[in-house]
């Protein structure tokens, strides 16, 4: 039973179908490069990290008043509006 389990773990070359050593980067029989599939958990981890960094960046921008998601348009519209004239009181 151990031999059967061990045989199922042996990888074979996709080109010549010969068994491959575990740490080989090329097939020792035909010389074809070995393409190992990326681990799904590694891909999900990288995407999660990128999303987390994006959220931190947006939160930092909003907290420090640098415009955030709207690019500062609300602040710039307030700055460009004409200031109201200050009129003196009626009795003066």
PDB file of N, CA and C in Angstrom:
ATOM      1  N   UNK A   1       0.825  -1.183   0.000  1.00  0.00           N
ATOM      2  CA  UNK A   1       0.000   0.000   0.000  1.00  0.00           C
ATOM      3  C   UNK A   1       0.876   1.256   0.000  1.00  0.00           C
ATOM      4  N   UNK A   2       2.024   1.220   0.669  1.00  0.00           N
ATOM      5  CA  UNK A   2       2.924   2.363   0.680  1.00  0.00           C
ATOM      6  C   UNK A   2       3.526   2.611  -0.697  1.00  0.00           C
ATOM      7  N   UNK A   3       3.791   1.552  -1.435  1.00  0.00           N
ATOM      8  CA  UNK A   3       4.341   1.710  -2.777  1.00  0.00           C
ATOM      9  C   UNK A   3       3.325   2.367  -3.703  1.00  0.00           C
ATOM     10  N   UNK A   4       2.058   2.030  -3.516  1.00  0.00           N
ATOM     11  CA  UNK A   4       1.020   2.619  -4.360  1.00  0.00           C
ATOM     12  C   UNK A   4       0.878   4.111  -4.051  1.00  0.00           C
ATOM     13  N   UNK A   5       0.934   4.494  -2.783  1.00  0.00           N
ATOM     14  CA  UNK A   5       0.845   5.904  -2.394  1.00  0.00           C
ATOM     15  C   UNK A   5       2.063   6.665  -2.893  1.00  0.00           C
ATOM     16  N   UNK A   6       3.234   6.031  -2.815  1.00  0.00           N
ATOM     17  CA  UNK A   6       4.453   6.673  -3.282  1.00  0.00           C
ATOM     18  C   UNK A   6       4.429   6.852  -4.796  1.00  0.00           C
ATOM     19  N   UNK A   7       3.888   5.883  -5.512  1.00  0.00           N
ATOM     20  CA  UNK A   7       3.812   5.964  -6.972  1.00  0.00           C
ATOM     21  C   UNK A   7       2.868   7.075  -7.415  1.00  0.00           C
ATOM     22  N   UNK A   8       1.826   7.348  -6.636  1.00  0.00           N
ATOM     23  CA  UNK A   8       0.886   8.402  -7.014  1.00  0.00           C
ATOM     24  C   UNK A   8       1.490   9.793  -6.802  1.00  0.00           C
ATOM     25  N   UNK A   9       2.519   9.900  -5.932  1.00  0.00           N
ATOM     26  CA  UNK A   9       3.160  11.191  -5.680  1.00  0.00           C
ATOM     27  C   UNK A   9       4.250  11.516  -6.683  1.00  0.00           C
ATOM     28  N   UNK A  10       4.696  10.564  -7.464  1.00  0.00           N
ATOM     29  CA  UNK A  10       5.768  10.797  -8.418  1.00  0.00           C
ATOM     30  C   UNK A  10       5.222  11.588  -9.604  1.00  0.00           C
ATOM     31  N   UNK A  11       5.881  12.699  -9.887  1.00  0.00           N
ATOM     32  CA  UNK A  11       5.480  13.502 -11.035  1.00  0.00           C
ATOM     33  C   UNK A  11       6.155  12.966 -12.281  1.00  0.00           C
ATOM     34  N   UNK A  12       5.460  13.115 -13.416  1.00  0.00           N
ATOM     35  CA  UNK A  12       6.023  12.681 -14.685  1.00  0.00           C
ATOM     36  C   UNK A  12       6.113  13.873 -15.622  1.00  0.00           C
ATOM     37  N   UNK A  13       7.040  13.820 -16.530  1.00  0.00           N
ATOM     38  CA  UNK A  13       7.232  14.877 -17.528  1.00  0.00           C
ATOM     39  C   UNK A  13       6.034  14.882 -18.466  1.00  0.00           C
ATOM     40  N   UNK A  14       5.521  16.052 -18.769  1.00  0.00           N
ATOM     41  CA  UNK A  14       4.363  16.142 -19.657  1.00  0.00           C
ATOM     42  C   UNK A  14       4.735  15.846 -21.109  1.00  0.00           C
ATOM     43  N   UNK A  15       6.013  15.880 -21.407  1.00  0.00           N
ATOM     44  CA  UNK A  15       6.454  15.644 -22.787  1.00  0.00           C
ATOM     45  C   UNK A  15       6.846  14.179 -23.031  1.00  0.00           C
ATOM     46  N   UNK A  16       7.734  13.624 -22.182  1.00  0.00           N
ATOM     47  CA  UNK A  16       8.229  12.264 -22.418  1.00  0.00           C
ATOM     48  C   UNK A  16       7.632  11.237 -21.456  1.00  0.00           C
ATOM     49  N   UNK A  17       6.841  11.698 -20.467  1.00  0.00           N
ATOM     50  CA  UNK A  17       6.149  10.849 -19.497  1.00  0.00           C
ATOM     51  C   UNK A  17       7.089  10.001 -18.638  1.00  0.00           C
ATOM     52  N   UNK A  18       8.315  10.452 -18.461  1.00  0.00           N
ATOM     53  CA  UNK A  18       9.279   9.789 -17.592  1.00  0.00           C
ATOM     54  C   UNK A  18       9.176  10.385 -16.187  1.00  0.00           C
ATOM     55  N   UNK A  19       9.480   9.623 -15.152  1.00  0.00           N
ATOM     56  CA  UNK A  19       9.421  10.163 -13.784  1.00  0.00           C
ATOM     57  C   UNK A  19      10.441  11.287 -13.588  1.00  0.00           C
ATOM     58  N   UNK A  20      10.047  12.257 -12.779  1.00  0.00           N
ATOM     59  CA  UNK A  20      10.885  13.438 -12.527  1.00  0.00           C
ATOM     60  C   UNK A  20      11.374  13.455 -11.084  1.00  0.00           C
ATOM     61  N   UNK A  21      12.608  13.887 -10.859  1.00  0.00           N
ATOM     62  CA  UNK A  21      13.052  14.136  -9.482  1.00  0.00           C
ATOM     63  C   UNK A  21      12.263  15.307  -8.884  1.00  0.00           C
ATOM     64  N   UNK A  22      12.109  15.329  -7.572  1.00  0.00           N
ATOM     65  CA  UNK A  22      11.265  16.329  -6.929  1.00  0.00           C
ATOM     66  C   UNK A  22      11.767  17.756  -7.109  1.00  0.00           C
ATOM     67  N   UNK A  23      13.058  17.987  -7.056  1.00  0.00           N
ATOM     68  CA  UNK A  23      13.591  19.349  -7.116  1.00  0.00           C
ATOM     69  C   UNK A  23      14.101  19.739  -8.501  1.00  0.00           C
ATOM     70  N   UNK A  24      13.800  18.959  -9.515  1.00  0.00           N
ATOM     71  CA  UNK A  24      14.309  19.235 -10.860  1.00  0.00           C
ATOM     72  C   UNK A  24      13.578  20.419 -11.481  1.00  0.00           C
ATOM     73  N   UNK A  25      14.327  21.237 -12.216  1.00  0.00           N
ATOM     74  CA  UNK A  25      13.709  22.336 -12.952  1.00  0.00           C
ATOM     75  C   UNK A  25      13.555  21.981 -14.430  1.00  0.00           C
ATOM     76  N   UNK A  26      14.268  20.953 -14.865  1.00  0.00           N
ATOM     77  CA  UNK A  26      14.164  20.420 -16.233  1.00  0.00           C
ATOM     78  C   UNK A  26      14.108  18.904 -16.161  1.00  0.00           C
ATOM     79  N   UNK A  27      13.472  18.309 -17.149  1.00  0.00           N
ATOM     80  CA  UNK A  27      13.405  16.847 -17.226  1.00  0.00           C
ATOM     81  C   UNK A  27      14.796  16.312 -17.553  1.00  0.00           C
ATOM     82  N   UNK A  28      15.295  15.342 -16.775  1.00  0.00           N
ATOM     83  CA  UNK A  28      16.624  14.807 -17.063  1.00  0.00           C
ATOM     84  C   UNK A  28      16.655  13.942 -18.335  1.00  0.00           C
ATOM     85  N   UNK A  29      15.512  13.543 -18.839  1.00  0.00           N
ATOM     86  CA  UNK A  29      15.444  12.675 -20.014  1.00  0.00           C
ATOM     87  C   UNK A  29      15.357  13.473 -21.315  1.00  0.00           C
ATOM     88  N   UNK A  30      14.445  14.452 -21.360  1.00  0.00           N
ATOM     89  CA  UNK A  30      14.249  15.193 -22.618  1.00  0.00           C
ATOM     90  C   UNK A  30      14.706  16.650 -22.529  1.00  0.00           C
ATOM     91  N   UNK A  31      14.959  17.174 -21.311  1.00  0.00           N
ATOM     92  CA  UNK A  31      15.433  18.544 -21.147  1.00  0.00           C
ATOM     93  C   UNK A  31      14.338  19.600 -21.161  1.00  0.00           C
ATOM     94  N   UNK A  32      13.087  19.185 -21.212  1.00  0.00           N
ATOM     95  CA  UNK A  32      11.973  20.138 -21.241  1.00  0.00           C
ATOM     96  C   UNK A  32      11.815  20.806 -19.870  1.00  0.00           C
ATOM     97  N   UNK A  33      11.567  22.133 -19.823  1.00  0.00           N
ATOM     98  CA  UNK A  33      11.383  22.798 -18.529  1.00  0.00           C
ATOM     99  C   UNK A  33      10.125  22.273 -17.831  1.00  0.00           C
ATOM    100  N   UNK A  34      10.213  22.170 -16.516  1.00  0.00           N
ATOM    101  CA  UNK A  34       9.089  21.684 -15.721  1.00  0.00           C
ATOM    102  C   UNK A  34       8.313  22.889 -15.225  1.00  0.00           C
ATOM    103  N   UNK A  35       7.024  22.905 -15.502  1.00  0.00           N
ATOM    104  CA  UNK A  35       6.157  23.988 -15.059  1.00  0.00           C
ATOM    105  C   UNK A  35       5.348  23.489 -13.878  1.00  0.00           C
ATOM    106  N   UNK A  36       5.595  24.047 -12.725  1.00  0.00           N
ATOM    107  CA  UNK A  36       4.855  23.662 -11.531  1.00  0.00           C
ATOM    108  C   UNK A  36       3.693  24.635 -11.358  1.00  0.00           C
ATOM    109  N   UNK A  37       2.488  24.123 -11.073  1.00  0.00           N
ATOM    110  CA  UNK A  37       1.340  25.013 -10.887  1.00  0.00           C
ATOM    111  C   UNK A  37       1.490  25.840  -9.614  1.00  0.00           C
ATOM    112  N   UNK A  38       1.014  27.082  -9.680  1.00  0.00           N
ATOM    113  CA  UNK A  38       1.061  27.937  -8.491  1.00  0.00           C
ATOM    114  C   UNK A  38       0.009  27.460  -7.502  1.00  0.00           C
ATOM    115  N   UNK A  39       0.322  27.579  -6.268  1.00  0.00           N
ATOM    116  CA  UNK A  39      -0.582  27.171  -5.213  1.00  0.00           C
ATOM    117  C   UNK A  39      -1.741  28.166  -5.127  1.00  0.00           C
ATOM    118  N   UNK A  40      -2.964  27.674  -5.022  1.00  0.00           N
ATOM    119  CA  UNK A  40      -4.137  28.543  -4.966  1.00  0.00           C
ATOM    120  C   UNK A  40      -4.098  29.429  -3.723  1.00  0.00           C
ATOM    121  N   UNK A  41      -3.616  28.908  -2.606  1.00  0.00           N
ATOM    122  CA  UNK A  41      -3.558  29.712  -1.391  1.00  0.00           C
ATOM    123  C   UNK A  41      -2.553  30.857  -1.529  1.00  0.00           C
ATOM    124  N   UNK A  42      -1.471  30.642  -2.279  1.00  0.00           N
ATOM    125  CA  UNK A  42      -0.502  31.706  -2.508  1.00  0.00           C
ATOM    126  C   UNK A  42      -1.133  32.827  -3.330  1.00  0.00           C
ATOM    127  N   UNK A  43      -1.873  32.477  -4.363  1.00  0.00           N
ATOM    128  CA  UNK A  43      -2.528  33.479  -5.210  1.00  0.00           C
ATOM    129  C   UNK A  43      -3.557  34.264  -4.404  1.00  0.00           C
ATOM    130  N   UNK A  44      -4.379  33.574  -3.621  1.00  0.00           N
ATOM    131  CA  UNK A  44      -5.377  34.262  -2.803  1.00  0.00           C
ATOM    132  C   UNK A  44      -4.721  35.152  -1.753  1.00  0.00           C
ATOM    133  N   UNK A  45      -3.622  34.706  -1.190  1.00  0.00           N
ATOM    134  CA  UNK A  45      -2.908  35.519  -0.214  1.00  0.00           C
ATOM    135  C   UNK A  45      -2.356  36.793  -0.821  1.00  0.00           C
ATOM    136  N   UNK A  46      -1.812  36.690  -2.022  1.00  0.00           N
ATOM    137  CA  UNK A  46      -1.282  37.876  -2.704  1.00  0.00           C
ATOM    138  C   UNK A  46      -2.409  38.871  -3.029  1.00  0.00           C
ATOM    139  N   UNK A  47      -3.550  38.361  -3.495  1.00  0.00           N
ATOM    140  CA  UNK A  47      -4.682  39.241  -3.784  1.00  0.00           C
ATOM    141  C   UNK A  47      -5.211  39.900  -2.513  1.00  0.00           C
ATOM    142  N   UNK A  48      -5.264  39.143  -1.436  1.00  0.00           N
ATOM    143  CA  UNK A  48      -5.720  39.700  -0.160  1.00  0.00           C
ATOM    144  C   UNK A  48      -4.782  40.785   0.346  1.00  0.00           C
ATOM    145  N   UNK A  49      -3.501  40.570   0.205  1.00  0.00           N
ATOM    146  CA  UNK A  49      -2.518  41.570   0.630  1.00  0.00           C
ATOM    147  C   UNK A  49      -2.640  42.844  -0.203  1.00  0.00           C
ATOM    148  N   UNK A  50      -2.834  42.696  -1.500  1.00  0.00           N
ATOM    149  CA  UNK A  50      -2.994  43.864  -2.365  1.00  0.00           C
ATOM    150  C   UNK A  50      -4.260  44.644  -1.994  1.00  0.00           C
ATOM    151  N   UNK A  51      -5.344  43.941  -1.699  1.00  0.00           N
ATOM    152  CA  UNK A  51      -6.583  44.604  -1.300  1.00  0.00           C
ATOM    153  C   UNK A  51      -6.416  45.327   0.031  1.00  0.00           C
ATOM    154  N   UNK A  52      -5.739  44.696   0.969  1.00  0.00           N
ATOM    155  CA  UNK A  52      -5.497  45.315   2.268  1.00  0.00           C
ATOM    156  C   UNK A  52      -4.660  46.587   2.133  1.00  0.00           C
ATOM    157  N   UNK A  53      -3.622  46.550   1.314  1.00  0.00           N
ATOM    158  CA  UNK A  53      -2.796  47.739   1.097  1.00  0.00           C
ATOM    159  C   UNK A  53      -3.599  48.856   0.441  1.00  0.00           C
ATOM    160  N   UNK A  54      -4.469  48.512  -0.502  1.00  0.00           N
ATOM    161  CA  UNK A  54      -5.301  49.524  -1.156  1.00  0.00           C
ATOM    162  C   UNK A  54      -6.246  50.172  -0.146  1.00  0.00           C
ATOM    163  N   UNK A  55      -6.838  49.367   0.743  1.00  0.00           N
ATOM    164  CA  UNK A  55      -7.740  49.919   1.753  1.00  0.00           C
ATOM    165  C   UNK A  55      -6.996  50.827   2.732  1.00  0.00           C
ATOM    166  N   UNK A  56      -5.794  50.440   3.134  1.00  0.00           N
ATOM    167  CA  UNK A  56      -4.998  51.303   4.018  1.00  0.00           C
ATOM    168  C   UNK A  56      -4.665  52.624   3.333  1.00  0.00           C
ATOM    169  N   UNK A  57      -4.334  52.575   2.057  1.00  0.00           N
ATOM    170  CA  UNK A  57      -3.993  53.790   1.326  1.00  0.00           C
ATOM    171  C   UNK A  57      -5.197  54.733   1.245  1.00  0.00           C
ATOM    172  N   UNK A  58      -6.363  54.200   0.914  1.00  0.00           N
ATOM    173  CA  UNK A  58      -7.567  55.030   0.813  1.00  0.00           C
ATOM    174  C   UNK A  58      -7.923  55.597   2.184  1.00  0.00           C
ATOM    175  N   UNK A  59      -7.840  54.779   3.224  1.00  0.00           N
ATOM    176  CA  UNK A  59      -8.139  55.267   4.573  1.00  0.00           C
ATOM    177  C   UNK A  59      -7.177  56.357   5.012  1.00  0.00           C
ATOM    178  N   UNK A  60      -5.906  56.200   4.685  1.00  0.00           N
ATOM    179  CA  UNK A  60      -4.911  57.218   5.020  1.00  0.00           C
ATOM    180  C   UNK A  60      -5.220  58.529   4.301  1.00  0.00           C
ATOM    181  N   UNK A  61      -5.604  58.449   3.025  1.00  0.00           N
ATOM    182  CA  UNK A  61      -5.926  59.648   2.265  1.00  0.00           C
ATOM    183  C   UNK A  61      -7.138  60.363   2.857  1.00  0.00           C
ATOM    184  N   UNK A  62      -8.139  59.605   3.256  1.00  0.00           N
ATOM    185  CA  UNK A  62      -9.352  60.207   3.817  1.00  0.00           C
ATOM    186  C   UNK A  62      -9.059  60.829   5.182  1.00  0.00           C
ATOM    187  N   UNK A  63      -8.291  60.136   6.021  1.00  0.00           N
ATOM    188  CA  UNK A  63      -7.994  60.647   7.360  1.00  0.00           C
ATOM    189  C   UNK A  63      -7.185  61.937   7.323  1.00  0.00           C
ATOM    190  N   UNK A  64      -6.309  62.084   6.373  1.00  0.00           N
ATOM    191  CA  UNK A  64      -5.455  63.259   6.315  1.00  0.00           C
ATOM    192  C   UNK A  64      -6.006  64.345   5.410  1.00  0.00           C
ATOM    193  N   UNK A  65      -7.225  64.189   4.926  1.00  0.00           N
ATOM    194  CA  UNK A  65      -7.876  65.242   4.158  1.00  0.00           C
ATOM    195  C   UNK A  65      -7.244  65.530   2.819  1.00  0.00           C
ATOM    196  N   UNK A  66      -6.634  64.550   2.198  1.00  0.00           N
ATOM    197  CA  UNK A  66      -6.015  64.762   0.895  1.00  0.00           C
ATOM    198  C   UNK A  66      -6.960  64.424  -0.244  1.00  0.00           C
ATOM    199  N   UNK A  67      -8.232  64.511  -0.012  1.00  0.00           N
ATOM    200  CA  UNK A  67      -9.178  64.287  -1.091  1.00  0.00           C
ATOM    201  C   UNK A  67      -9.867  62.954  -1.023  1.00  0.00           C
ATOM    202  N   UNK A  68      -9.182  61.914  -0.705  1.00  0.00           N
ATOM    203  CA  UNK A  68      -9.803  60.603  -0.643  1.00  0.00           C
ATOM    204  C   UNK A  68     -10.222  60.108  -2.008  1.00  0.00           C
ATOM    205  N   UNK A  69     -11.425  59.574  -2.097  1.00  0.00           N
ATOM    206  CA  UNK A  69     -11.884  58.962  -3.337  1.00  0.00           C
ATOM    207  C   UNK A  69     -12.318  59.988  -4.379  1.00  0.00           C
ATOM    208  N   UNK A  70     -12.797  61.171  -3.969  1.00  0.00           N
ATOM    209  CA  UNK A  70     -13.277  62.150  -4.949  1.00  0.00           C
ATOM    210  C   UNK A  70     -12.162  63.041  -5.484  1.00  0.00           C
ATOM    211  N   UNK A  71     -10.959  62.837  -5.063  1.00  0.00           N
ATOM    212  CA  UNK A  71      -9.821  63.577  -5.586  1.00  0.00           C
ATOM    213  C   UNK A  71      -9.735  65.009  -5.073  1.00  0.00           C
ATOM    214  N   UNK A  72     -10.474  65.334  -4.014  1.00  0.00           N
ATOM    215  CA  UNK A  72     -10.406  66.670  -3.452  1.00  0.00           C
ATOM    216  C   UNK A  72     -11.301  67.665  -4.154  1.00  0.00           C
ATOM    217  N   UNK A  73     -12.271  67.220  -4.931  1.00  0.00           N
ATOM    218  CA  UNK A  73     -13.117  68.157  -5.674  1.00  0.00           C
ATOM    219  C   UNK A  73     -14.015  68.957  -4.743  1.00  0.00           C
ATOM    220  N   UNK A  74     -14.498  68.366  -3.655  1.00  0.00           N
ATOM    221  CA  UNK A  74     -15.368  69.094  -2.741  1.00  0.00           C
ATOM    222  C   UNK A  74     -14.598  70.240  -2.084  1.00  0.00           C
ATOM    223  N   UNK A  75     -13.382  70.011  -1.671  1.00  0.00           N
ATOM    224  CA  UNK A  75     -12.572  71.038  -1.034  1.00  0.00           C
ATOM    225  C   UNK A  75     -12.221  72.131  -2.040  1.00  0.00           C
ATOM    226  N   UNK A  76     -11.873  71.756  -3.267  1.00  0.00           N
ATOM    227  CA  UNK A  76     -11.478  72.758  -4.249  1.00  0.00           C
ATOM    228  C   UNK A  76     -12.664  73.604  -4.688  1.00  0.00           C
ATOM    229  N   UNK A  77     -13.882  73.048  -4.681  1.00  0.00           N
ATOM    230  CA  UNK A  77     -15.064  73.835  -5.040  1.00  0.00           C
ATOM    231  C   UNK A  77     -15.338  74.874  -3.965  1.00  0.00           C
ATOM    232  N   UNK A  78     -15.122  74.535  -2.699  1.00  0.00           N
ATOM    233  CA  UNK A  78     -15.336  75.494  -1.633  1.00  0.00           C
ATOM    234  C   UNK A  78     -14.304  76.616  -1.698  1.00  0.00           C
ATOM    235  N   UNK A  79     -13.086  76.319  -2.058  1.00  0.00           N
ATOM    236  CA  UNK A  79     -12.033  77.316  -2.117  1.00  0.00           C
ATOM    237  C   UNK A  79     -12.223  78.282  -3.279  1.00  0.00           C
ATOM    238  N   UNK A  80     -12.824  77.840  -4.362  1.00  0.00           N
ATOM    239  CA  UNK A  80     -12.998  78.677  -5.540  1.00  0.00           C
ATOM    240  C   UNK A  80     -14.258  79.534  -5.493  1.00  0.00           C
ATOM    241  N   UNK A  81     -15.119  79.325  -4.521  1.00  0.00           N
ATOM    242  CA  UNK A  81     -16.339  80.118  -4.444  1.00  0.00           C
ATOM    243  C   UNK A  81     -15.997  81.530  -3.955  1.00  0.00           C
ATOM    244  N   UNK A  82     -16.717  82.527  -4.487  1.00  0.00           N
ATOM    245  CA  UNK A  82     -16.421  83.907  -4.047  1.00  0.00           C
ATOM    246  C   UNK A  82     -16.822  84.097  -2.591  1.00  0.00           C
ATOM    247  N   UNK A  83     -16.020  84.846  -1.861  1.00  0.00           N
ATOM    248  CA  UNK A  83     -16.328  85.088  -0.468  1.00  0.00           C
ATOM    249  C   UNK A  83     -17.398  86.188  -0.373  1.00  0.00           C
ATOM    250  N   UNK A  84     -18.328  86.048   0.548  1.00  0.00           N
ATOM    251  CA  UNK A  84     -19.387  87.078   0.665  1.00  0.00           C
ATOM    252  C   UNK A  84     -18.793  88.390   1.193  1.00  0.00           C
ATOM    253  N   UNK A  85     -19.413  89.476   0.730  1.00  0.00           N
ATOM    254  CA  UNK A  85     -18.938  90.799   1.179  1.00  0.00           C
ATOM    255  C   UNK A  85     -19.377  91.039   2.609  1.00  0.00           C
ATOM    256  N   UNK A  86     -18.504  91.627   3.367  1.00  0.00           N
ATOM    257  CA  UNK A  86     -18.848  91.967   4.745  1.00  0.00           C
ATOM    258  C   UNK A  86     -19.378  93.397   4.727  1.00  0.00           C
ATOM    259  N   UNK A  87     -20.661  93.542   5.099  1.00  0.00           N
ATOM    260  CA  UNK A  87     -21.295  94.876   5.102  1.00  0.00           C
ATOM    261  C   UNK A  87     -21.277  95.430   6.518  1.00  0.00           C
ATOM    262  N   UNK A  88     -21.132  96.728   6.644  1.00  0.00           N
ATOM    263  CA  UNK A  88     -21.133  97.321   7.980  1.00  0.00           C
ATOM    264  C   UNK A  88     -22.540  97.275   8.578  1.00  0.00           C
ATOM    265  N   UNK A  89     -22.620  97.346   9.880  1.00  0.00           N
ATOM    266  CA  UNK A  89     -23.914  97.356  10.554  1.00  0.00           C
ATOM    267  C   UNK A  89     -24.703  98.598  10.170  1.00  0.00           C
ATOM    268  N   UNK A  90     -26.020  98.594  10.319  1.00  0.00           N
ATOM    269  CA  UNK A  90     -26.879  99.669   9.855  1.00  0.00           C
ATOM    270  C   UNK A  90     -26.614 100.999  10.564  1.00  0.00           C
ATOM    271  N   UNK A  91     -26.311 101.037  11.750  1.00  0.00           N
ATOM    272  CA  UNK A  91     -26.137 102.281  12.474  1.00  0.00           C
ATOM    273  C   UNK A  91     -24.761 102.884  12.309  1.00  0.00           C
ATOM    274  N   UNK A  92     -23.898 102.395  11.499  1.00  0.00           N
ATOM    275  CA  UNK A  92     -22.521 102.901  11.457  1.00  0.00           C
ATOM    276  C   UNK A  92     -22.194 103.542  10.160  1.00  0.00           C
TER     277      UNK A  92
END
